[in-house]
Protein backbone atom coordinates (compact mmCIF):
# COMPACT_ATOMS: atom_id res chain seq x y z
CA UNK A 1 153.44 130.94 102.94
CA UNK A 2 149.95 132.10 105.31
CA UNK A 3 148.79 133.40 101.85
CA UNK A 4 148.26 130.09 100.50
CA UNK A 5 147.36 128.48 103.74
CA UNK A 6 144.79 130.88 104.07
CA UNK A 7 143.89 130.13 99.44
CA UNK A 8 144.23 126.30 100.46
CA UNK A 9 141.68 126.56 104.03
CA UNK A 10 139.04 128.67 101.99
CA UNK A 11 139.16 126.03 99.29
CA UNK A 12 138.74 122.94 101.95
CA UNK A 13 135.73 125.21 102.87
CA UNK A 14 133.92 125.53 99.80
CA UNK A 15 133.90 121.93 99.26
CA UNK A 16 132.34 121.04 102.30
CA UNK A 17 129.86 123.64 102.19
CA UNK A 18 128.86 123.33 98.43
CA UNK A 19 127.06 120.40 99.03
CA UNK A 20 124.83 122.04 101.85
CA UNK A 21 124.95 125.51 99.49
CA UNK A 22 123.30 123.06 96.19
CA UNK A 23 120.79 121.35 98.43
CA UNK A 24 119.72 124.81 100.05
CA UNK A 25 119.64 126.21 96.55
CA UNK A 26 116.84 123.47 95.04
CA UNK A 27 114.81 123.64 97.95
CA UNK A 28 114.70 127.23 97.52
CA UNK A 29 113.51 126.47 93.75
CA UNK A 30 111.49 124.53 94.20
CA UNK A 31 110.13 126.61 96.76
CA UNK A 32 109.79 129.29 93.95
CA UNK A 33 108.38 126.74 91.25
CA UNK A 34 105.69 125.82 93.62
CA UNK A 35 105.03 129.60 94.61
CA UNK A 36 104.13 129.91 90.64
CA UNK A 37 103.01 126.82 89.83
CA UNK A 38 100.15 128.08 92.41
CA UNK A 39 99.65 131.30 90.56
CA UNK A 40 99.13 129.89 87.67
CA UNK A 41 102.46 130.35 86.47
CA UNK A 42 103.22 127.43 84.57
CA UNK A 43 105.70 128.44 82.88
CA UNK A 44 107.51 130.72 85.20
CA UNK A 45 106.83 127.04 87.55
CA UNK A 46 108.86 124.99 84.72
CA UNK A 47 111.59 127.66 84.86
CA UNK A 48 112.41 126.93 88.07
CA UNK A 49 112.03 123.50 88.04
CA UNK A 50 114.53 123.31 85.04
CA UNK A 51 116.85 125.27 87.29
CA UNK A 52 116.17 123.34 89.98
CA UNK A 53 116.50 120.14 87.95
CA UNK A 54 120.57 120.49 87.19
CA UNK A 55 121.28 118.62 89.66
CA UNK A 56 120.28 115.14 89.06
CA UNK A 57 121.61 114.00 92.47
CA UNK A 58 118.56 115.42 94.39
CA UNK A 59 115.71 115.31 92.41
CA UNK A 60 112.95 113.06 93.10
CA UNK A 61 110.17 111.10 91.41
CA UNK A 62 106.81 113.87 93.45
CA UNK A 63 109.52 116.72 92.15
CA UNK A 64 109.46 115.03 88.58
CA UNK A 65 106.13 114.78 88.32
CA UNK A 66 104.98 118.31 89.38
CA UNK A 67 107.26 119.86 87.17
CA UNK A 68 106.36 117.69 84.77
CA UNK A 69 102.54 118.95 85.08
CA UNK A 70 103.76 122.73 85.15
CA UNK A 71 105.53 122.15 81.56
CA UNK A 72 102.89 120.59 80.09
CA UNK A 73 99.97 123.18 80.83
CA UNK A 74 102.75 125.95 79.33
CA UNK A 75 103.00 126.86 75.73
CA UNK A 76 105.57 125.27 74.34
CA UNK A 77 106.92 123.15 77.45
CA UNK A 78 104.97 119.23 77.11
CA UNK A 79 107.67 117.61 75.09
CA UNK A 80 110.08 118.76 77.76
CA UNK A 81 107.81 117.32 80.23
CA UNK A 82 107.27 114.36 78.52
CA UNK A 83 111.30 114.42 79.31
CA UNK A 84 110.70 114.54 82.75
CA UNK A 85 108.10 111.79 82.87
CA UNK A 86 110.15 109.44 81.30
CA UNK A 87 113.30 110.13 83.70
CA UNK A 88 109.80 109.31 86.04
CA UNK A 89 109.98 106.72 85.42
CA UNK A 90 113.26 105.45 84.93
CA UNK A 91 113.69 106.57 88.98
CA UNK A 92 115.41 104.49 91.51
CA UNK A 93 113.14 105.49 94.08
CA UNK A 94 110.29 105.27 92.48
CA UNK A 95 107.00 103.31 94.16
CA UNK A 96 104.10 102.88 92.01
CA UNK A 97 101.10 101.14 91.62
CA UNK A 98 98.96 100.18 89.11
CA UNK A 99 96.16 102.51 90.27
CA UNK A 100 98.56 104.66 90.55
CA UNK A 101 99.59 104.23 86.25
CA UNK A 102 95.66 104.42 85.88
CA UNK A 103 95.83 107.72 88.38
CA UNK A 104 98.59 109.29 86.17
CA UNK A 105 96.77 108.76 83.03
CA UNK A 106 93.68 110.60 83.75
CA UNK A 107 95.47 113.54 85.53
CA UNK A 108 93.84 116.57 83.08
CA UNK A 109 96.59 118.52 84.46
CA UNK A 110 98.53 116.10 81.76
CA UNK A 111 95.58 116.10 79.02
CA UNK A 112 97.97 118.04 76.90
CA UNK A 113 100.37 115.86 76.26
CA UNK A 114 98.40 112.10 75.23
CA UNK A 115 98.69 113.76 71.33
CA UNK A 116 102.57 112.87 72.11
CA UNK A 117 103.73 109.77 70.87
CA UNK A 118 106.20 109.88 73.76
CA UNK A 119 103.00 109.67 76.46
CA UNK A 120 102.38 105.93 75.61
CA UNK A 121 105.98 105.38 75.63
CA UNK A 122 105.98 106.90 78.87
CA UNK A 123 102.72 104.72 79.71
CA UNK A 124 104.19 101.75 78.76
CA UNK A 125 107.63 101.96 81.02
CA UNK A 126 105.44 103.12 83.88
CA UNK A 127 103.16 99.70 83.95
CA UNK A 128 105.58 97.35 83.03
CA UNK A 129 107.99 98.84 86.67
CA UNK A 130 104.46 98.41 88.11
CA UNK A 131 103.96 95.44 87.29
CA UNK A 132 107.73 93.99 88.45
CA UNK A 133 107.18 95.52 91.73
CA UNK A 134 103.93 94.17 92.48
CA UNK A 135 105.87 91.18 91.90
CA UNK A 136 108.26 92.17 94.04
CA UNK A 137 106.57 92.96 96.78
CA UNK A 138 104.50 89.72 96.49
CA UNK A 139 108.15 87.52 96.51
CA UNK A 140 108.76 89.59 99.59
CA UNK A 141 105.63 88.83 101.16
CA UNK A 142 105.84 85.35 100.39
CA UNK A 143 109.91 84.83 101.85
CA UNK A 144 108.96 86.92 105.10
CA UNK A 145 105.41 85.02 105.71
CA UNK A 146 107.42 81.95 105.22
CA UNK A 147 110.31 82.86 106.78
CA UNK A 148 108.17 83.61 110.34
CA UNK A 149 106.55 80.42 110.42
CA UNK A 150 109.74 78.74 110.37
CA UNK A 151 110.13 80.63 113.35
CA UNK A 152 107.08 80.05 114.90
CA UNK A 153 107.42 77.13 118.26
CA UNK A 154 105.62 73.91 118.80
CA UNK A 155 103.23 73.44 121.87
CA UNK A 156 105.99 71.90 124.09
CA UNK A 157 105.64 68.54 125.72
CA UNK A 158 104.50 69.50 129.06
CA UNK A 159 103.80 72.89 131.13
CA UNK A 160 106.71 74.87 131.71
CA UNK A 161 109.36 72.65 129.46
CA UNK A 162 110.23 76.50 126.74
CA UNK A 163 112.36 76.09 124.16
CA UNK A 164 114.89 78.16 122.53
CA UNK A 165 113.21 80.84 120.43
CA UNK A 166 115.31 83.15 118.03
CA UNK A 167 114.90 86.76 118.04
CA UNK A 168 112.40 88.20 115.28
CA UNK A 169 109.00 87.13 114.76
CA UNK A 170 107.30 84.22 114.83
CA UNK A 171 104.00 83.91 112.66
CA UNK A 172 100.93 81.52 114.62
CA UNK A 173 96.78 81.40 113.73
CA UNK A 174 94.28 80.99 115.68
CA UNK A 175 90.84 79.54 114.88
CA UNK A 176 88.18 80.26 115.74
CA UNK A 177 85.43 78.38 113.47
CA UNK A 178 86.09 78.77 109.68
CA UNK A 179 88.06 81.81 109.71
CA UNK A 180 92.17 81.11 110.51
CA UNK A 181 93.21 83.83 112.47
CA UNK A 182 97.33 85.27 112.19
CA UNK A 183 99.27 87.34 114.89
CA UNK A 184 102.86 87.35 115.45
CA UNK A 185 104.95 87.54 118.40
CA UNK A 186 107.85 89.13 118.13
CA UNK A 187 110.89 88.05 120.36
CA UNK A 188 113.47 90.70 121.74
CA UNK A 189 117.70 89.36 121.37
CA UNK A 190 117.42 90.01 125.56
CA UNK A 191 114.86 87.13 125.93
CA UNK A 192 115.38 83.92 127.68
CA UNK A 193 113.93 81.24 127.87
CA UNK A 194 115.04 80.46 131.97
CA UNK A 195 113.63 84.01 133.10
CA UNK A 196 110.48 84.97 133.00
CA UNK A 197 109.28 87.96 130.60
CA UNK A 198 107.06 90.88 130.66
CA UNK A 199 104.60 89.91 127.32
CA UNK A 200 103.16 93.50 125.95
CA UNK A 201 99.03 92.35 123.96
CA UNK A 202 99.09 95.15 121.10
CA UNK A 203 95.57 95.80 119.05
CA UNK A 204 96.74 97.69 115.53
CA UNK A 205 94.23 100.51 114.18
CA UNK A 206 92.47 100.84 111.09
CA UNK A 207 90.14 97.83 112.25
CA UNK A 208 86.94 99.60 110.14
CA UNK A 209 89.12 100.01 106.95
CA UNK A 210 90.62 96.80 107.04
CA UNK A 211 88.59 94.12 105.16
CA UNK A 212 91.70 91.33 104.93
CA UNK A 213 94.39 89.53 107.26
CA UNK A 214 97.59 91.72 106.70
CA UNK A 215 99.84 88.95 108.33
CA UNK A 216 101.10 88.51 104.44
CA UNK A 217 102.67 92.01 104.93
CA UNK A 218 106.62 92.20 106.08
CA UNK A 219 106.15 96.44 106.20
CA UNK A 220 103.83 95.49 110.16
CA UNK A 221 107.78 94.79 111.47
CA UNK A 222 108.23 98.50 111.14
CA UNK A 223 105.06 99.09 114.10
CA UNK A 224 106.71 100.85 116.84
CA UNK A 225 105.22 99.13 119.40
CA UNK A 226 108.26 96.82 118.50
CA UNK A 227 111.19 99.00 119.06
CA UNK A 228 109.62 100.07 122.53
CA UNK A 229 108.81 96.31 123.32
CA UNK A 230 112.44 95.78 122.80
CA UNK A 231 113.52 98.82 124.91
CA UNK A 232 112.17 97.16 128.04
CA UNK A 233 112.91 93.45 127.71
CA UNK A 234 109.46 92.62 125.98
CA UNK A 235 107.66 90.12 123.84
CA UNK A 236 104.52 90.87 121.72
CA UNK A 237 101.74 89.33 120.44
CA UNK A 238 100.57 91.36 118.19
CA UNK A 239 97.22 89.84 116.69
CA UNK A 240 95.76 90.52 113.10
CA UNK A 241 92.14 91.99 112.74
CA UNK A 242 89.88 93.20 109.68
CA UNK A 243 86.36 94.16 109.70
CA UNK A 244 84.72 91.59 109.69
CA UNK A 245 86.68 90.19 112.91
CA UNK A 246 88.10 92.92 115.09
CA UNK A 247 87.97 94.47 118.43
CA UNK A 248 85.00 96.78 117.95
CA UNK A 249 82.17 94.58 117.16
CA UNK A 250 83.24 91.13 117.19
CA UNK A 251 82.87 89.86 120.44
CA UNK A 252 84.76 86.97 119.67
CA UNK A 253 87.44 88.65 118.15
CA UNK A 254 88.20 89.98 121.61
CA UNK A 255 87.94 86.31 122.96
CA UNK A 256 89.96 84.82 120.57
CA UNK A 257 92.69 87.58 121.67
CA UNK A 258 92.69 85.80 125.09
CA UNK A 259 93.33 82.03 123.76
CA UNK A 260 96.63 83.38 121.81
CA UNK A 261 97.42 84.76 125.21
CA UNK A 262 97.25 81.16 126.43
CA UNK A 263 98.96 80.28 123.46
CA UNK A 264 101.95 82.35 123.95
CA UNK A 265 102.08 81.23 127.42
CA UNK A 266 102.98 77.90 126.36
CA UNK A 267 104.92 78.26 124.23
CA UNK A 268 107.78 81.14 125.53
CA UNK A 269 107.76 81.53 130.03
CA UNK A 270 105.75 84.64 130.09
CA UNK A 271 105.89 86.46 133.78
CA UNK A 272 102.09 86.08 134.34
CA UNK A 273 101.96 88.60 136.72
CA UNK A 274 103.22 91.19 133.91
CA UNK A 275 100.98 91.31 130.35
CA UNK A 276 99.52 94.72 129.33
CA UNK A 277 97.05 95.36 126.86
CA UNK A 278 96.85 98.14 124.49
CA UNK A 279 96.90 99.34 120.71
CA UNK A 280 96.22 102.63 118.61
CA UNK A 281 93.14 104.01 117.40
CA UNK A 282 91.04 101.53 116.89
CA UNK A 283 93.41 98.94 119.06
CA UNK A 284 93.62 101.85 121.50
CA UNK A 285 89.66 101.85 121.76
CA UNK A 286 89.21 97.92 122.75
CA UNK A 287 91.77 98.23 126.09
CA UNK A 288 89.77 100.34 127.18
CA UNK A 289 86.34 98.00 126.55
CA UNK A 290 89.37 94.86 128.55
CA UNK A 291 90.50 97.64 131.37
CA UNK A 292 86.44 98.67 132.16
CA UNK A 293 84.52 95.32 131.06
CA UNK A 294 87.08 92.20 131.52
CA UNK A 295 90.60 92.64 132.98
CA UNK A 296 91.06 89.46 134.52
CA UNK A 297 94.48 88.80 133.21
CA UNK A 298 96.17 91.93 132.54
CA UNK A 299 98.79 94.17 134.88
CA UNK A 300 97.42 97.03 132.96
CA UNK A 301 96.16 98.94 129.86
CA UNK A 302 97.70 101.56 127.57
CA UNK A 303 96.10 103.42 124.97
CA UNK A 304 96.67 105.91 121.99
CA UNK A 305 94.79 108.12 119.94
CA UNK A 306 91.85 106.15 120.90
CA UNK A 307 88.26 106.72 121.05
CA UNK A 308 86.57 105.49 125.35
CA UNK A 309 83.36 104.61 123.68
CA UNK A 310 82.48 100.84 123.03
CA UNK A 311 80.26 99.84 120.21
CA UNK A 312 79.22 96.40 122.59
CA UNK A 313 77.57 98.81 125.20
CA UNK A 314 78.80 101.30 127.97
CA UNK A 315 81.71 100.91 129.29
CA UNK A 316 82.32 100.23 133.79
CA UNK A 317 84.66 102.88 134.43
CA UNK A 318 84.18 101.96 137.75
CA UNK A 319 86.91 98.59 136.49
CA UNK A 320 89.21 101.44 136.56
CA UNK A 321 88.77 102.64 140.36
CA UNK A 322 91.25 100.12 141.96
CA UNK A 323 93.64 97.46 139.90
CA UNK A 324 95.57 97.46 136.84
CA UNK A 325 95.46 100.78 135.58
CA UNK A 326 94.59 102.55 132.68
CA UNK A 327 97.97 104.83 131.16
CA UNK A 328 96.18 106.74 127.38
CA UNK A 329 98.09 109.14 125.52
CA UNK A 330 96.66 112.15 123.02
CA UNK A 331 97.22 114.95 120.88
CA UNK A 332 95.29 118.10 121.13
CA UNK A 333 95.25 118.60 117.29
CA UNK A 334 93.47 114.52 117.04
CA UNK A 335 90.98 115.51 113.77
CA UNK A 336 89.55 111.87 113.74
CA UNK A 337 88.78 111.33 117.81
CA UNK A 338 88.46 114.88 118.83
CA UNK A 339 90.95 115.76 122.24
CA UNK A 340 88.29 118.11 123.73
CA UNK A 341 85.09 115.21 123.58
CA UNK A 342 87.58 112.20 125.12
CA UNK A 343 89.00 114.97 127.89
CA UNK A 344 84.72 115.16 128.81
CA UNK A 345 84.79 111.63 129.38
CA UNK A 346 87.32 111.75 131.23
CA UNK A 347 86.63 114.36 133.02
CA UNK A 348 83.15 113.07 133.53
CA UNK A 349 84.49 109.88 134.75
CA UNK A 350 87.72 110.79 136.65
CA UNK A 351 86.06 110.45 140.11
CA UNK A 352 85.67 106.88 139.98
CA UNK A 353 88.47 105.74 137.16
CA UNK A 354 91.33 106.93 140.28
CA UNK A 355 93.39 104.32 137.65
CA UNK A 356 93.50 106.19 134.55
CA UNK A 357 95.74 108.02 133.44
CA UNK A 358 95.15 110.54 130.90
CA UNK A 359 97.54 112.45 129.00
CA UNK A 360 97.66 114.82 126.39
CA UNK A 361 100.41 116.70 123.78
CA UNK A 362 99.81 119.76 121.88
CA UNK A 363 100.46 118.55 118.32
CA UNK A 364 100.97 115.55 116.74
CA UNK A 365 97.64 114.81 114.90
CA UNK A 366 95.65 110.97 115.11
CA UNK A 367 98.43 109.72 113.77
CA UNK A 368 100.79 111.01 116.36
CA UNK A 369 102.55 107.72 116.82
CA UNK A 370 104.34 107.33 113.42
CA UNK A 371 105.59 110.80 113.70
CA UNK A 372 109.14 111.46 113.90
CA UNK A 373 108.67 111.51 118.10
CA UNK A 374 105.81 108.85 118.11
CA UNK A 375 108.30 105.71 119.42
CA UNK A 376 109.40 107.77 121.90
CA UNK A 377 106.27 108.74 123.06
CA UNK A 378 105.33 105.15 123.47
CA UNK A 379 108.83 103.85 124.99
CA UNK A 380 108.12 106.24 127.73
CA UNK A 381 104.84 105.54 127.91
CA UNK A 382 105.66 101.98 128.44
CA UNK A 383 107.77 102.97 131.00
CA UNK A 384 105.18 103.99 133.41
CA UNK A 385 103.77 101.67 133.13
CA UNK A 386 105.33 97.92 133.47
CA UNK A 387 106.83 99.66 136.48
CA UNK A 388 103.57 99.69 138.20
CA UNK A 389 103.47 96.59 140.99
CA UNK A 390 103.16 93.99 139.68
CA UNK A 391 99.13 92.23 140.29
CA UNK A 392 98.76 88.64 141.27
CA UNK A 393 97.36 86.88 137.91
CA UNK A 394 93.68 85.05 138.95
CA UNK A 395 93.63 81.65 138.50
CA UNK A 396 92.65 80.53 134.98
CA UNK A 397 92.38 83.74 133.18
CA UNK A 398 94.13 82.29 130.07
CA UNK A 399 93.08 79.29 130.40
CA UNK A 400 92.95 77.07 126.93
CA UNK A 401 89.15 75.19 126.70
CA UNK A 402 91.13 72.66 124.36
CA UNK A 403 94.61 71.68 123.33
CA UNK A 404 96.82 74.71 121.20
CA UNK A 405 97.31 73.95 117.81
CA UNK A 406 99.95 74.27 115.84
CA UNK A 407 101.30 76.42 113.06
CA UNK A 408 99.20 76.26 110.81
CA UNK A 409 100.61 77.23 107.00
CA UNK A 410 97.42 80.06 105.36
CA UNK A 411 94.68 82.11 106.62
CA UNK A 412 91.98 82.53 104.90
């Protein structure tokens, strides 16, 4: 009887560990295939891919494309290469755009497949998938933008009359001349219009590479600042910038952020002594500008992966001798803004910029914020910042020059 119990236990154990064994085997075969491919042993790589792909529940679209590249270069295996490409085109996890298809059509490693009739079938199928995904993406963007516009609050009839606000994202526009500048307001589930709430102003990066405001892209909701703000029961003002109207070279864009703050203060119950501004990369550089050139009204600043220098002129680090603090975090392996250069500026200014609290991390690169522990690092940094004593806000720090406008249905 004990023997049968042992056999049953062993069978159950094998069933439980078999998925792990298969996953390890799949990864090992992929590593072997990659090694053979690097050694230009394309036929051996094809065999390794073939063995790995017997588990159809594990194979991913990138693996299929790599396998097709190996098979296309192995004499006599072109048909197998096309089969894998057709499988890739039908893969449920495939995300592809029309430029991606064009790049595949011109991929030299697949040139041996061009004479096969299945090659044109593959490209036709792939272009149809890309077109469908583009349509779905556009539809989702419009739906998300309309939903965010519906959550925007009108200006209250009198000052201090704060109404209820749904949690989530509300989309607004702040006009500057002929430009409609979009910004989001994130409202945590804990927001209570009867109680003053912390406001975080967050300036995104990538300004120099962004030609249009990205207000119609729902992926913005995945920015780590929103989860970090929720952890601190804070609202977020998230302005959108672009190369021709951003916070690196256009002073009007920096001034417009203050207009946005004033609009948010009218619609939401903000603790005016606890308004903080920060950002990542280009946005962090702007945080340095505000802290050194125009700190009035902000209780503190934070900067991630930022270069502490401004294209608008030399920074006045003496502003950081006392008053609102600035917390910055930089990766020592930052490939864009070298850590040694940032550290050198900090060392040079440390005597007068006593309120600049500089910290570093050994790895993660320029985009460490989007790494596995990036959101936790941001949450911890904000915890240090918001525990600082609240500053008394100067009167009129965010005073509007003209009545605020309501949400605008479209942007430039």
